[in-house]
């Protein structure tokens, strides 16, 4: 069952806000979150998804945020996210666009260098959704699922090394385009000794871990939306 959560064999499409969604017309900021199970918050309530927590935190700081538009599904790889974006037929511009993808490429054993051009293509698409403004786009690193109970009996060191290799590519290509990169992987690895950071499925982050991610991301994003 848990294996299916990563491989994407479970159905249950998740595209919150599918369809054409241009930026809000009344001054409300529009946020588009692109990704996989981590973006849609597999095994946590909707309110605990990290993009939703980020939007709520921005509202608490006085920022007028609209509902988060999410294009994500458990198990998606880079090519599947690209297909999901095309199917959703989303238009911008959006005031914020986030991208968190890659864990399922790694899980399926795909070469990291095959991941690179697909990630770059998604990153370019994210920038286009932000009206060409790279300041409005940010990338989140891949968390390390190898520390979770789901990975018991697996080569945790090998998983960590593979995650690091994927994240190195993500960081390199993201910074090359002048886009912000938030490294939440160290936080994810705290789950090895802190089980409350893992959701009830034994694999995905809990709402508390997502809160930790938001605490890292929020200050920089708050500065961006206030400028």
Protein backbone atom coordinates (compact mmCIF):
# COMPACT_ATOMS: atom_id res chain seq x y z
CA UNK A 1 0.00 0.00 0.00
CA UNK A 2 2.69 2.48 0.98
CA UNK A 3 4.73 1.55 -2.04
CA UNK A 4 1.82 2.50 -4.23
CA UNK A 5 1.75 5.95 -2.69
CA UNK A 6 5.12 6.70 -4.23
CA UNK A 7 4.81 4.84 -7.49
CA UNK A 8 1.57 6.56 -8.39
CA UNK A 9 -0.49 3.43 -8.91
CA UNK A 10 -3.08 4.79 -6.53
CA UNK A 11 -5.67 6.88 -8.31
CA UNK A 12 -7.36 9.86 -6.78
CA UNK A 13 -6.28 12.75 -8.93
CA UNK A 14 -5.32 15.84 -7.06
CA UNK A 15 -5.54 19.10 -8.92
CA UNK A 16 -6.89 21.76 -6.61
CA UNK A 17 -7.96 24.61 -8.83
CA UNK A 18 -7.76 22.83 -12.19
CA UNK A 19 -8.79 24.80 -15.22
CA UNK A 20 -7.80 28.27 -16.31
CA UNK A 21 -6.93 30.45 -13.35
CA UNK A 22 -5.38 33.81 -14.11
CA UNK A 23 -4.11 35.92 -11.24
CA UNK A 24 -6.73 37.52 -9.03
CA UNK A 25 -8.13 40.77 -10.43
CA UNK A 26 -8.90 42.53 -7.15
CA UNK A 27 -5.41 42.82 -5.68
CA UNK A 28 -5.54 39.39 -4.08
CA UNK A 29 -2.32 37.45 -4.67
CA UNK A 30 -2.51 34.22 -6.64
CA UNK A 31 -0.27 31.27 -5.75
CA UNK A 32 0.33 28.20 -7.91
CA UNK A 33 1.99 25.14 -6.32
CA UNK A 34 3.38 22.43 -8.62
CA UNK A 35 4.58 19.03 -7.45
CA UNK A 36 3.78 15.55 -6.23
CA UNK A 37 2.64 13.92 -2.97
CA UNK A 38 4.65 16.38 -0.89
CA UNK A 39 2.87 19.36 -2.44
CA UNK A 40 -0.59 17.83 -2.20
CA UNK A 41 0.12 16.68 1.35
CA UNK A 42 -0.50 12.94 1.13
CA UNK A 43 -1.91 11.64 4.45
CA UNK A 44 -2.47 15.05 6.06
CA UNK A 45 -5.60 17.23 6.09
CA UNK A 46 -5.85 19.90 3.41
CA UNK A 47 -5.16 22.66 5.94
CA UNK A 48 -1.81 21.04 6.80
CA UNK A 49 -0.43 20.94 3.26
CA UNK A 50 2.65 23.13 3.21
CA UNK A 51 1.45 25.43 0.37
CA UNK A 52 -1.79 25.99 2.28
CA UNK A 53 0.14 26.63 5.50
CA UNK A 54 2.36 29.08 3.63
CA UNK A 55 -0.64 30.98 2.27
CA UNK A 56 -2.22 31.03 5.75
CA UNK A 57 1.04 32.34 7.24
CA UNK A 58 1.18 35.10 4.63
CA UNK A 59 -2.42 36.05 5.46
CA UNK A 60 -1.46 36.21 9.13
CA UNK A 61 1.16 38.78 8.11
CA UNK A 62 -1.47 40.91 6.41
CA UNK A 63 -0.99 39.66 2.85
CA UNK A 64 -4.21 39.28 0.84
CA UNK A 65 -3.85 35.73 -0.50
CA UNK A 66 -6.35 33.92 -2.67
CA UNK A 67 -6.92 30.18 -2.49
CA UNK A 68 -3.85 28.15 -3.43
CA UNK A 69 -3.98 26.55 -6.86
CA UNK A 70 -2.34 23.13 -6.67
CA UNK A 71 -1.35 20.87 -9.53
CA UNK A 72 0.08 17.77 -7.89
CA UNK A 73 -0.60 14.08 -7.45
CA UNK A 74 0.92 11.35 -5.36
CA UNK A 75 3.47 9.40 -7.40
CA UNK A 76 4.08 11.98 -10.10
CA UNK A 77 7.47 12.17 -11.78
CA UNK A 78 8.69 15.17 -13.77
CA UNK A 79 7.12 13.99 -17.02
CA UNK A 80 3.85 13.17 -15.28
CA UNK A 81 3.73 16.62 -13.69
CA UNK A 82 4.33 18.16 -17.11
CA UNK A 83 1.40 16.16 -18.48
CA UNK A 84 -0.72 17.17 -15.50
CA UNK A 85 0.03 20.84 -16.09
CA UNK A 86 -0.93 20.50 -19.75
CA UNK A 87 -4.17 18.74 -18.85
CA UNK A 88 -5.07 21.39 -16.29
CA UNK A 89 -4.70 24.13 -18.91
CA UNK A 90 -3.64 26.66 -16.30
CA UNK A 91 -2.86 30.23 -17.26
CA UNK A 92 -1.12 33.00 -15.34
CA UNK A 93 0.34 35.20 -14.37
CA UNK A 94 0.57 34.13 -10.75
CA UNK A 95 2.17 36.16 -7.98
CA UNK A 96 3.92 33.09 -6.56
CA UNK A 97 4.83 29.76 -8.13
CA UNK A 98 6.50 26.90 -6.26
CA UNK A 99 8.00 23.69 -7.63
CA UNK A 100 8.81 20.55 -5.65
CA UNK A 101 9.40 17.48 -7.81
CA UNK A 102 11.84 14.62 -8.25
CA UNK A 103 11.34 12.07 -5.49
CA UNK A 104 9.49 9.65 -7.72
CA UNK A 105 12.15 9.89 -10.43
CA UNK A 106 14.65 8.88 -7.76
CA UNK A 107 12.37 6.18 -6.29
CA UNK A 108 11.90 4.56 -9.68
CA UNK A 109 15.65 4.46 -10.21
CA UNK A 110 15.79 6.88 -13.10
CA UNK A 111 19.22 8.41 -13.89
CA UNK A 112 19.66 11.83 -12.37
CA UNK A 113 20.97 13.23 -15.65
CA UNK A 114 17.70 12.26 -17.34
CA UNK A 115 15.96 14.26 -14.63
CA UNK A 116 17.94 17.43 -15.35
CA UNK A 117 16.37 18.53 -18.68
CA UNK A 118 12.88 17.65 -17.49
CA UNK A 119 13.35 19.67 -14.33
CA UNK A 120 14.72 22.63 -16.28
CA UNK A 121 11.68 22.50 -18.57
CA UNK A 122 9.35 22.57 -15.57
CA UNK A 123 11.31 25.41 -14.03
CA UNK A 124 11.03 27.43 -17.23
CA UNK A 125 7.31 26.74 -17.27
CA UNK A 126 7.03 27.90 -13.65
CA UNK A 127 8.72 31.16 -14.62
CA UNK A 128 6.27 31.61 -17.47
CA UNK A 129 3.39 31.10 -15.03
CA UNK A 130 4.91 33.92 -12.95
CA UNK A 131 4.83 36.26 -15.93
CA UNK A 132 8.55 35.83 -16.53
CA UNK A 133 9.49 37.13 -13.08
CA UNK A 134 12.01 34.76 -11.50
CA UNK A 135 11.63 36.57 -8.17
CA UNK A 136 8.13 35.14 -7.94
CA UNK A 137 9.27 31.52 -8.34
CA UNK A 138 10.86 29.24 -5.76
CA UNK A 139 11.99 25.64 -5.63
CA UNK A 140 11.88 23.29 -2.65
CA UNK A 141 14.38 20.45 -2.26
CA UNK A 142 13.39 16.78 -2.13
CA UNK A 143 12.96 15.43 1.42
CA UNK A 144 14.73 12.22 2.40
CA UNK A 145 12.13 9.45 2.60
CA UNK A 146 14.91 7.02 3.53
CA UNK A 147 14.68 8.01 7.19
CA UNK A 148 11.00 7.06 7.46
CA UNK A 149 9.56 3.79 8.80
CA UNK A 150 8.57 2.91 5.23
CA UNK A 151 12.27 2.58 4.35
CA UNK A 152 13.01 0.02 7.07
CA UNK A 153 15.18 -2.75 5.67
CA UNK A 154 16.33 -0.66 2.72
CA UNK A 155 19.75 0.85 2.15
CA UNK A 156 19.12 4.19 3.83
CA UNK A 157 22.60 5.50 3.00
CA UNK A 158 22.08 4.78 -0.69
CA UNK A 159 18.71 6.53 -0.62
CA UNK A 160 20.26 9.57 1.06
CA UNK A 161 23.05 9.67 -1.53
CA UNK A 162 20.56 9.50 -4.39
CA UNK A 163 18.39 12.22 -2.87
CA UNK A 164 21.49 14.39 -2.45
CA UNK A 165 22.43 13.85 -6.10
CA UNK A 166 18.98 14.88 -7.27
CA UNK A 167 18.98 17.91 -5.02
CA UNK A 168 22.41 18.95 -6.29
CA UNK A 169 21.00 19.07 -9.81
CA UNK A 170 17.94 20.97 -8.62
CA UNK A 171 20.04 23.51 -6.75
CA UNK A 172 22.45 23.99 -9.64
CA UNK A 173 19.78 24.54 -12.26
CA UNK A 174 17.61 26.67 -9.97
CA UNK A 175 20.40 29.04 -8.96
CA UNK A 176 21.62 29.20 -12.55
CA UNK A 177 18.28 30.79 -13.44
CA UNK A 178 18.43 33.18 -10.48
CA UNK A 179 15.59 31.45 -8.67
CA UNK A 180 15.43 30.80 -4.93
CA UNK A 181 16.10 27.31 -3.65
CA UNK A 182 14.91 26.25 -0.19
CA UNK A 183 16.73 23.26 1.27
CA UNK A 184 14.27 21.46 3.55
CA UNK A 185 16.11 18.14 3.33
CA UNK A 186 17.95 18.56 6.65
CA UNK A 187 14.60 19.13 8.34
CA UNK A 188 13.21 15.99 6.74
CA UNK A 189 16.10 13.95 8.12
CA UNK A 190 15.16 14.90 11.67
CA UNK A 191 12.33 12.39 11.27
CA UNK A 192 14.91 9.67 11.89
CA UNK A 193 14.80 10.59 15.58
CA UNK A 194 11.51 12.49 15.80
CA UNK A 195 8.55 10.32 14.71
CA UNK A 196 6.02 13.14 15.07
CA UNK A 197 7.47 14.57 11.87
CA UNK A 198 6.08 11.61 9.91
CA UNK A 199 2.44 11.21 8.87
CA UNK A 200 0.33 8.22 9.87
CA UNK A 201 1.26 6.35 6.67
CA UNK A 202 4.85 6.04 7.89
CA UNK A 203 6.20 7.67 4.75
CA UNK A 204 5.09 11.23 4.13
CA UNK A 205 5.72 14.33 6.27
CA UNK A 206 3.29 15.27 9.00
CA UNK A 207 1.66 18.65 9.23
CA UNK A 208 4.23 19.53 11.88
CA UNK A 209 7.09 18.88 9.49
CA UNK A 210 5.38 20.95 6.82
CA UNK A 211 5.08 23.73 9.39
CA UNK A 212 8.85 23.56 9.83
CA UNK A 213 9.30 23.93 6.08
CA UNK A 214 7.04 26.97 6.04
CA UNK A 215 9.01 28.57 8.88
CA UNK A 216 12.11 28.29 6.69
CA UNK A 217 10.42 29.58 3.53
CA UNK A 218 8.17 32.32 4.92
CA UNK A 219 10.60 35.17 5.71
CA UNK A 220 12.01 35.31 2.19
CA UNK A 221 8.63 34.97 0.50
CA UNK A 222 7.15 37.61 2.76
CA UNK A 223 9.81 40.06 1.62
CA UNK A 224 9.06 39.22 -2.00
CA UNK A 225 5.32 39.78 -1.84
CA UNK A 226 5.73 43.03 0.07
CA UNK A 227 7.98 44.50 -2.62
